């Protein structure tokens, strides 16, 4: 089933806005990357939250543009034939930029996972060290108690008669 044919000018507006959103998301992803590299998790969470509205809008526009892909281009009207060519060019550039953005996102995710794993290793190492210190302190305290009470369990009588 063929989709309703959207006027070329409307399609051009969708493609233009989609391109702007991809650029905006690329900038947010750059900030996300900086936050990951700096270990600033509060900032990272803030950036991720701010990315959500443009991601939703990009998804909606991508769906709208995709519905027009199966429409015969010769059946679509355009107010200006050069606008059609500019829209085709911009759409291709946006698709390339979107692929770059997706790759950038994957790299951020990998760095974040590596950072998480590193923190987990550090915590495990710290826990192991703390456990060893606690055991040493426990053994040491037991040894000191044995020294003061005598090895046979007898008490020393320091009272005077």
N, C-alpha and C. Protein backbone atom coordinates (compact mmCIF):
# COMPACT_ATOMS: atom_id res chain seq x y z
N UNK A 1 0.84 -1.18 0.00
CA UNK A 1 0.00 0.00 0.00
C UNK A 1 0.88 1.25 0.00
N UNK A 2 0.56 2.15 -0.88
CA UNK A 2 1.36 3.37 -1.00
C UNK A 2 0.87 4.42 0.00
N UNK A 3 1.82 5.15 0.57
CA UNK A 3 1.49 6.19 1.54
C UNK A 3 0.89 7.40 0.85
N UNK A 4 0.22 8.20 1.66
CA UNK A 4 -0.30 9.47 1.15
C UNK A 4 0.89 10.31 0.69
N UNK A 5 0.74 10.95 -0.44
CA UNK A 5 1.83 11.75 -0.99
C UNK A 5 1.86 13.11 -0.29
N UNK A 6 2.98 13.38 0.35
CA UNK A 6 3.19 14.65 1.03
C UNK A 6 3.82 15.62 0.03
N UNK A 7 3.40 16.87 0.07
CA UNK A 7 3.97 17.88 -0.82
C UNK A 7 5.47 17.97 -0.57
N UNK A 8 6.22 18.21 -1.61
CA UNK A 8 7.67 18.27 -1.53
C UNK A 8 8.19 19.31 -0.53
N UNK A 9 7.48 20.42 -0.43
CA UNK A 9 7.92 21.46 0.51
C UNK A 9 7.83 20.97 1.95
N UNK A 10 6.77 20.20 2.24
CA UNK A 10 6.63 19.63 3.59
C UNK A 10 7.73 18.61 3.85
N UNK A 11 7.99 17.78 2.87
CA UNK A 11 9.06 16.79 2.99
C UNK A 11 10.40 17.48 3.21
N UNK A 12 10.62 18.58 2.50
CA UNK A 12 11.87 19.34 2.67
C UNK A 12 12.00 19.87 4.09
N UNK A 13 10.88 20.34 4.67
CA UNK A 13 10.91 20.82 6.05
C UNK A 13 11.25 19.69 7.02
N UNK A 14 10.67 18.51 6.79
CA UNK A 14 10.97 17.36 7.65
C UNK A 14 12.45 16.98 7.56
N UNK A 15 12.96 16.94 6.34
CA UNK A 15 14.36 16.57 6.14
C UNK A 15 15.29 17.61 6.78
N UNK A 16 14.94 18.89 6.63
CA UNK A 16 15.74 19.96 7.23
C UNK A 16 15.76 19.83 8.75
N UNK A 17 14.57 19.65 9.34
CA UNK A 17 14.49 19.54 10.80
C UNK A 17 15.22 18.30 11.29
N UNK A 18 15.10 17.22 10.57
CA UNK A 18 15.80 15.98 10.91
C UNK A 18 17.30 16.20 10.92
N UNK A 19 17.81 16.92 9.93
CA UNK A 19 19.23 17.23 9.86
C UNK A 19 19.67 18.06 11.08
N UNK A 20 18.85 19.05 11.44
CA UNK A 20 19.15 19.88 12.61
C UNK A 20 19.20 19.04 13.89
N UNK A 21 18.26 18.11 14.01
CA UNK A 21 18.22 17.25 15.20
C UNK A 21 19.44 16.36 15.29
N UNK A 22 19.88 15.84 14.15
CA UNK A 22 21.07 14.99 14.13
C UNK A 22 22.28 15.81 14.60
N UNK A 23 22.39 17.05 14.11
CA UNK A 23 23.49 17.92 14.55
C UNK A 23 23.40 18.20 16.04
N UNK A 24 22.20 18.48 16.53
CA UNK A 24 22.01 18.75 17.96
C UNK A 24 22.38 17.52 18.80
N UNK A 25 21.95 16.36 18.36
CA UNK A 25 22.26 15.13 19.09
C UNK A 25 23.76 14.82 19.05
N UNK A 26 24.40 15.17 17.95
CA UNK A 26 25.85 14.97 17.86
C UNK A 26 26.55 15.82 18.93
N UNK A 27 26.08 17.05 19.11
CA UNK A 27 26.67 17.92 20.13
C UNK A 27 26.39 17.37 21.53
N UNK A 28 25.19 16.89 21.79
CA UNK A 28 24.88 16.29 23.08
C UNK A 28 25.75 15.06 23.32
N UNK A 29 25.99 14.29 22.27
CA UNK A 29 26.81 13.08 22.40
C UNK A 29 28.26 13.46 22.68
N UNK A 30 28.71 14.57 22.13
CA UNK A 30 30.06 15.05 22.43
C UNK A 30 30.16 15.39 23.92
N UNK A 31 29.14 16.06 24.46
CA UNK A 31 29.13 16.37 25.89
C UNK A 31 29.03 15.09 26.73
N UNK A 32 28.27 14.14 26.24
CA UNK A 32 28.16 12.84 26.90
C UNK A 32 29.54 12.17 26.96
N UNK A 33 30.25 12.21 25.87
CA UNK A 33 31.58 11.62 25.80
C UNK A 33 32.54 12.28 26.78
N UNK A 34 32.49 13.60 26.84
CA UNK A 34 33.35 14.34 27.78
C UNK A 34 33.03 13.96 29.22
N UNK A 35 31.75 13.82 29.54
CA UNK A 35 31.34 13.45 30.90
C UNK A 35 31.82 12.04 31.24
N UNK A 36 31.73 11.13 30.28
CA UNK A 36 32.20 9.76 30.51
C UNK A 36 33.70 9.77 30.75
N UNK A 37 34.43 10.47 29.88
CA UNK A 37 35.90 10.52 30.01
C UNK A 37 36.33 11.16 31.32
N UNK A 38 35.55 12.13 31.80
CA UNK A 38 35.88 12.82 33.05
C UNK A 38 35.32 12.13 34.29
N UNK A 39 34.57 11.04 34.09
CA UNK A 39 34.00 10.33 35.22
C UNK A 39 32.93 11.14 35.96
N UNK A 40 32.29 12.07 35.25
CA UNK A 40 31.27 12.94 35.85
C UNK A 40 29.89 12.33 35.59
N UNK A 41 29.49 11.42 36.45
CA UNK A 41 28.26 10.67 36.24
C UNK A 41 27.00 11.53 36.39
N UNK A 42 27.00 12.51 37.29
CA UNK A 42 25.83 13.39 37.42
C UNK A 42 25.62 14.17 36.13
N UNK A 43 26.70 14.69 35.58
CA UNK A 43 26.62 15.43 34.32
C UNK A 43 26.15 14.50 33.20
N UNK A 44 26.66 13.28 33.19
CA UNK A 44 26.26 12.31 32.17
C UNK A 44 24.76 12.05 32.23
N UNK A 45 24.23 11.85 33.43
CA UNK A 45 22.80 11.60 33.57
C UNK A 45 21.98 12.81 33.09
N UNK A 46 22.47 14.00 33.37
CA UNK A 46 21.80 15.23 32.92
C UNK A 46 21.78 15.31 31.40
N UNK A 47 22.92 15.02 30.78
CA UNK A 47 23.02 15.06 29.31
C UNK A 47 22.09 14.02 28.69
N UNK A 48 22.09 12.81 29.25
CA UNK A 48 21.23 11.76 28.71
C UNK A 48 19.75 12.16 28.80
N UNK A 49 19.38 12.81 29.88
CA UNK A 49 17.99 13.26 30.03
C UNK A 49 17.66 14.33 28.98
N UNK A 50 18.60 15.23 28.74
CA UNK A 50 18.35 16.30 27.76
C UNK A 50 18.30 15.77 26.33
N UNK A 51 18.90 14.63 26.08
CA UNK A 51 18.89 14.04 24.74
C UNK A 51 17.55 13.40 24.39
N UNK A 52 16.76 13.07 25.38
CA UNK A 52 15.53 12.31 25.13
C UNK A 52 14.53 13.03 24.22
N UNK A 53 14.18 14.31 24.47
CA UNK A 53 13.22 14.96 23.58
C UNK A 53 13.68 15.03 22.12
N UNK A 54 14.93 15.42 21.84
CA UNK A 54 15.33 15.42 20.42
C UNK A 54 15.38 14.02 19.82
N UNK A 55 15.68 13.01 20.63
CA UNK A 55 15.67 11.63 20.12
C UNK A 55 14.26 11.21 19.71
N UNK A 56 13.28 11.57 20.54
CA UNK A 56 11.89 11.24 20.20
C UNK A 56 11.46 11.96 18.92
N UNK A 57 11.82 13.24 18.83
CA UNK A 57 11.45 14.00 17.64
C UNK A 57 12.13 13.44 16.39
N UNK A 58 13.40 13.07 16.53
CA UNK A 58 14.12 12.48 15.40
C UNK A 58 13.45 11.18 14.96
N UNK A 59 13.06 10.38 15.91
CA UNK A 59 12.39 9.12 15.59
C UNK A 59 11.08 9.37 14.84
N UNK A 60 10.31 10.32 15.34
CA UNK A 60 9.03 10.65 14.67
C UNK A 60 9.26 11.14 13.24
N UNK A 61 10.21 12.06 13.08
CA UNK A 61 10.49 12.58 11.74
C UNK A 61 11.05 11.51 10.82
N UNK A 62 11.90 10.66 11.37
CA UNK A 62 12.47 9.57 10.55
C UNK A 62 11.36 8.67 10.03
N UNK A 63 10.38 8.40 10.90
CA UNK A 63 9.24 7.57 10.47
C UNK A 63 8.44 8.27 9.38
N UNK A 64 8.21 9.56 9.53
CA UNK A 64 7.47 10.31 8.52
C UNK A 64 8.21 10.30 7.18
N UNK A 65 9.51 10.55 7.23
CA UNK A 65 10.31 10.57 6.00
C UNK A 65 10.32 9.17 5.37
N UNK A 66 10.43 8.15 6.21
CA UNK A 66 10.48 6.77 5.70
C UNK A 66 9.18 6.39 4.98
N UNK A 67 8.06 6.92 5.47
CA UNK A 67 6.79 6.59 4.80
C UNK A 67 6.73 7.16 3.39
N UNK A 68 7.54 8.15 3.12
CA UNK A 68 7.54 8.78 1.80
C UNK A 68 8.54 8.13 0.84
N UNK A 69 9.34 7.21 1.35
CA UNK A 69 10.37 6.57 0.52
C UNK A 69 9.77 5.74 -0.61
N UNK A 70 8.59 5.18 -0.36
CA UNK A 70 7.99 4.33 -1.40
C UNK A 70 7.10 5.10 -2.39
N UNK A 71 7.03 6.40 -2.22
CA UNK A 71 6.24 7.23 -3.14
C UNK A 71 7.09 7.54 -4.38
N UNK A 72 6.47 7.36 -5.52
CA UNK A 72 7.15 7.68 -6.77
C UNK A 72 7.50 9.17 -6.77
N UNK A 73 8.80 9.52 -6.86
CA UNK A 73 9.21 10.92 -6.79
C UNK A 73 8.57 11.80 -7.86
N UNK A 74 8.23 11.21 -8.99
CA UNK A 74 7.63 12.00 -10.07
C UNK A 74 6.19 12.39 -9.75
N UNK A 75 5.58 11.72 -8.79
CA UNK A 75 4.20 12.04 -8.42
C UNK A 75 4.13 13.14 -7.36
N UNK A 76 5.28 13.45 -6.77
CA UNK A 76 5.31 14.46 -5.71
C UNK A 76 5.46 15.85 -6.33
N UNK A 77 4.69 16.83 -5.84
CA UNK A 77 4.83 18.20 -6.35
C UNK A 77 5.79 18.98 -5.47
N UNK A 78 6.53 19.85 -6.14
CA UNK A 78 7.49 20.73 -5.49
C UNK A 78 7.25 22.15 -5.98
N UNK A 79 7.37 23.11 -5.08
CA UNK A 79 7.19 24.51 -5.51
C UNK A 79 8.41 24.99 -6.29
N UNK A 80 9.54 24.33 -6.03
CA UNK A 80 10.79 24.73 -6.68
C UNK A 80 11.60 23.47 -6.97
N UNK A 81 11.94 23.22 -8.23
CA UNK A 81 12.70 22.00 -8.57
C UNK A 81 14.09 21.95 -7.90
N UNK A 82 14.66 23.10 -7.64
CA UNK A 82 15.97 23.08 -6.97
C UNK A 82 15.83 22.65 -5.51
N UNK A 83 14.67 22.91 -4.91
CA UNK A 83 14.43 22.48 -3.53
C UNK A 83 14.45 20.95 -3.46
N UNK A 84 13.93 20.31 -4.48
CA UNK A 84 13.95 18.84 -4.52
C UNK A 84 15.39 18.34 -4.50
N UNK A 85 16.26 18.92 -5.31
CA UNK A 85 17.65 18.49 -5.36
C UNK A 85 18.37 18.77 -4.04
N UNK A 86 18.11 19.95 -3.46
CA UNK A 86 18.73 20.28 -2.15
C UNK A 86 18.26 19.30 -1.07
N UNK A 87 16.99 18.94 -1.11
CA UNK A 87 16.43 18.01 -0.12
C UNK A 87 17.06 16.63 -0.27
N UNK A 88 17.23 16.19 -1.50
CA UNK A 88 17.86 14.88 -1.76
C UNK A 88 19.29 14.90 -1.19
N UNK A 89 20.02 15.96 -1.49
CA UNK A 89 21.41 16.09 -1.00
C UNK A 89 21.45 16.11 0.53
N UNK A 90 20.59 16.92 1.13
CA UNK A 90 20.56 17.05 2.58
C UNK A 90 20.18 15.72 3.23
N UNK A 91 19.25 15.01 2.63
CA UNK A 91 18.84 13.71 3.18
C UNK A 91 20.02 12.74 3.16
N UNK A 92 20.75 12.70 2.07
CA UNK A 92 21.92 11.80 1.99
C UNK A 92 22.98 12.19 3.02
N UNK A 93 23.24 13.49 3.14
CA UNK A 93 24.21 13.96 4.14
C UNK A 93 23.74 13.61 5.55
N UNK A 94 22.46 13.76 5.81
CA UNK A 94 21.91 13.45 7.13
C UNK A 94 22.04 11.97 7.45
N UNK A 95 21.79 11.14 6.46
CA UNK A 95 21.95 9.70 6.67
C UNK A 95 23.39 9.35 7.03
N UNK A 96 24.34 9.96 6.34
CA UNK A 96 25.76 9.72 6.66
C UNK A 96 26.09 10.22 8.07
N UNK A 97 25.58 11.39 8.39
CA UNK A 97 25.83 11.98 9.73
C UNK A 97 25.17 11.12 10.81
N UNK A 98 23.99 10.58 10.52
CA UNK A 98 23.31 9.70 11.47
C UNK A 98 24.13 8.43 11.73
N UNK A 99 24.71 7.88 10.69
CA UNK A 99 25.57 6.71 10.87
C UNK A 99 26.79 7.04 11.74
N UNK A 100 27.36 8.23 11.53
CA UNK A 100 28.48 8.68 12.38
C UNK A 100 28.02 8.83 13.83
N UNK A 101 26.84 9.39 14.02
CA UNK A 101 26.29 9.58 15.36
C UNK A 101 26.09 8.22 16.04
N UNK A 102 25.55 7.28 15.33
CA UNK A 102 25.32 5.94 15.88
C UNK A 102 26.65 5.31 16.29
N UNK A 103 27.67 5.47 15.46
CA UNK A 103 28.99 4.93 15.79
C UNK A 103 29.57 5.62 17.03
N UNK A 104 29.42 6.93 17.10
CA UNK A 104 29.88 7.71 18.25
C UNK A 104 29.19 7.23 19.53
N UNK A 105 27.87 7.00 19.43
CA UNK A 105 27.10 6.50 20.57
C UNK A 105 27.62 5.14 21.02
N UNK A 106 27.92 4.25 20.07
CA UNK A 106 28.45 2.93 20.40
C UNK A 106 29.79 3.06 21.12
N UNK A 107 30.64 3.96 20.64
CA UNK A 107 31.94 4.17 21.29
C UNK A 107 31.76 4.68 22.72
N UNK A 108 30.82 5.60 22.91
CA UNK A 108 30.53 6.11 24.26
C UNK A 108 30.06 4.98 25.17
N UNK A 109 29.19 4.16 24.64
CA UNK A 109 28.67 3.04 25.42
C UNK A 109 29.80 2.08 25.82
N UNK A 110 30.71 1.81 24.89
CA UNK A 110 31.83 0.92 25.19
C UNK A 110 32.75 1.52 26.25
N UNK A 111 33.00 2.84 26.15
CA UNK A 111 33.87 3.50 27.14
C UNK A 111 33.20 3.53 28.51
N UNK A 112 31.89 3.73 28.52
CA UNK A 112 31.16 3.74 29.78
C UNK A 112 31.19 2.34 30.41
N UNK A 113 31.01 1.31 29.61
CA UNK A 113 31.06 -0.06 30.13
C UNK A 113 32.46 -0.37 30.67
N UNK A 114 33.49 0.07 29.95
CA UNK A 114 34.86 -0.16 30.42
C UNK A 114 35.11 0.59 31.73
N UNK A 115 34.58 1.79 31.83
CA UNK A 115 34.72 2.58 33.06
C UNK A 115 34.00 1.89 34.21
N UNK A 116 32.81 1.40 33.94
CA UNK A 116 32.03 0.67 34.96
C UNK A 116 32.79 -0.57 35.43
N UNK A 117 33.36 -1.31 34.47
CA UNK A 117 34.12 -2.51 34.81
C UNK A 117 35.35 -2.16 35.63
N UNK A 118 35.99 -1.05 35.29
CA UNK A 118 37.17 -0.61 36.03
C UNK A 118 36.79 -0.25 37.47
N UNK A 119 35.69 0.46 37.63
CA UNK A 119 35.22 0.82 38.98
C UNK A 119 34.89 -0.44 39.77
N UNK A 120 34.26 -1.40 39.11
CA UNK A 120 33.92 -2.65 39.78
C UNK A 120 35.19 -3.39 40.22
N UNK A 121 36.22 -3.41 39.36
CA UNK A 121 37.49 -4.06 39.74
C UNK A 121 38.12 -3.34 40.93
N UNK A 122 38.09 -2.01 40.89
CA UNK A 122 38.66 -1.23 41.99
C UNK A 122 37.92 -1.51 43.28
N UNK A 123 36.60 -1.59 43.20
CA UNK A 123 35.82 -1.86 44.41
C UNK A 123 36.10 -3.26 44.94
N UNK A 124 36.24 -4.23 44.04
CA UNK A 124 36.55 -5.60 44.45
C UNK A 124 37.92 -5.65 45.11
N UNK A 125 38.89 -4.96 44.50
CA UNK A 125 40.24 -4.92 45.06
C UNK A 125 40.22 -4.25 46.43
N UNK A 126 39.50 -3.13 46.54
CA UNK A 126 39.40 -2.41 47.81
C UNK A 126 38.74 -3.29 48.87
N UNK A 127 37.69 -4.00 48.47
CA UNK A 127 36.99 -4.88 49.40
C UNK A 127 37.93 -5.99 49.88
N UNK A 128 38.70 -6.57 48.95
CA UNK A 128 39.65 -7.62 49.31
C UNK A 128 40.70 -7.08 50.27
N UNK A 129 41.19 -5.89 50.00
CA UNK A 129 42.18 -5.27 50.90
C UNK A 129 41.58 -5.04 52.28
N UNK A 130 40.36 -4.52 52.31
CA UNK A 130 39.70 -4.24 53.59
C UNK A 130 39.46 -5.53 54.36
N UNK A 131 39.08 -6.58 53.66
CA UNK A 131 38.87 -7.88 54.30
C UNK A 131 40.18 -8.38 54.91
N UNK A 132 41.27 -8.24 54.18
CA UNK A 132 42.57 -8.67 54.69
C UNK A 132 42.97 -7.86 55.92
N UNK A 133 42.75 -6.54 55.87
CA UNK A 133 43.08 -5.68 57.02
C UNK A 133 42.24 -6.08 58.23
N UNK A 134 40.96 -6.31 58.02
CA UNK A 134 40.08 -6.70 59.12
C UNK A 134 40.51 -8.04 59.73
N UNK A 135 40.86 -8.98 58.89
CA UNK A 135 41.33 -10.28 59.39
C UNK A 135 42.64 -10.13 60.16
N UNK A 136 43.52 -9.33 59.62
CA UNK A 136 44.80 -9.10 60.30
C UNK A 136 44.55 -8.44 61.65
N UNK A 137 43.66 -7.44 61.66
CA UNK A 137 43.36 -6.75 62.92
C UNK A 137 42.74 -7.72 63.92
N UNK A 138 41.89 -8.62 63.46
CA UNK A 138 41.24 -9.59 64.33
C UNK A 138 42.27 -10.56 64.92
N UNK A 139 43.15 -11.07 64.06
CA UNK A 139 44.19 -11.99 64.51
C UNK A 139 45.15 -11.26 65.45
N UNK A 140 45.51 -10.04 65.10
CA UNK A 140 46.43 -9.25 65.92
C UNK A 140 45.81 -8.97 67.29
N UNK A 141 44.54 -8.63 67.34
CA UNK A 141 43.87 -8.36 68.62
C UNK A 141 43.83 -9.62 69.46
N UNK A 142 43.57 -10.74 68.85
CA UNK A 142 43.56 -12.02 69.57
C UNK A 142 44.94 -12.36 70.12
N UNK A 143 45.96 -12.06 69.35
CA UNK A 143 47.33 -12.33 69.78
C UNK A 143 47.69 -11.45 70.97
N UNK A 144 47.30 -10.16 70.90
CA UNK A 144 47.60 -9.24 72.02
C UNK A 144 46.85 -9.66 73.26
N UNK A 145 45.62 -10.13 73.15
CA UNK A 145 44.85 -10.58 74.30
C UNK A 145 45.53 -11.78 74.94
N UNK A 146 46.06 -12.68 74.12
CA UNK A 146 46.75 -13.85 74.64
C UNK A 146 48.01 -13.44 75.38
N UNK A 147 48.72 -12.44 74.92
CA UNK A 147 49.95 -12.00 75.56
C UNK A 147 49.67 -11.49 76.96
N UNK A 148 48.62 -10.70 77.13
CA UNK A 148 48.32 -10.11 78.43
C UNK A 148 47.73 -11.11 79.41
N UNK A 149 47.05 -12.10 78.94
CA UNK A 149 46.43 -13.04 79.87
C UNK A 149 47.34 -14.21 80.19
N UNK A 150 48.46 -14.29 79.52
CA UNK A 150 49.40 -15.41 79.75
C UNK A 150 49.07 -16.53 78.81
N UNK A 151 50.05 -17.34 78.53
CA UNK A 151 49.85 -18.39 77.55
C UNK A 151 49.07 -19.57 78.12
N UNK A 152 49.11 -19.77 79.44
CA UNK A 152 48.41 -20.92 80.01
C UNK A 152 47.02 -20.56 80.46
N UNK A 153 46.63 -19.32 80.30
CA UNK A 153 45.32 -18.90 80.73
C UNK A 153 45.32 -18.44 82.18
N UNK A 154 46.48 -18.53 82.91
CA UNK A 154 46.57 -18.06 84.29
C UNK A 154 46.62 -16.55 84.30
N UNK A 155 46.11 -15.94 85.37
CA UNK A 155 46.16 -14.52 85.54
C UNK A 155 47.29 -14.18 86.46
N UNK A 156 47.83 -13.06 86.29
CA UNK A 156 48.92 -12.58 87.16
C UNK A 156 48.28 -11.83 88.31
N UNK A 157 48.62 -12.20 89.53
CA UNK A 157 48.05 -11.57 90.72
C UNK A 157 48.97 -10.45 91.14
N UNK A 158 48.49 -9.21 91.01
CA UNK A 158 49.29 -8.03 91.36
C UNK A 158 48.84 -7.42 92.68
N UNK A 159 48.01 -8.10 93.44
CA UNK A 159 47.54 -7.54 94.69
C UNK A 159 48.60 -7.69 95.78
N UNK A 160 48.62 -6.76 96.71
CA UNK A 160 49.60 -6.84 97.80
C UNK A 160 48.88 -7.30 99.07
N UNK A 161 49.60 -8.03 99.86
CA UNK A 161 49.03 -8.54 101.11
C UNK A 161 49.44 -7.70 102.27
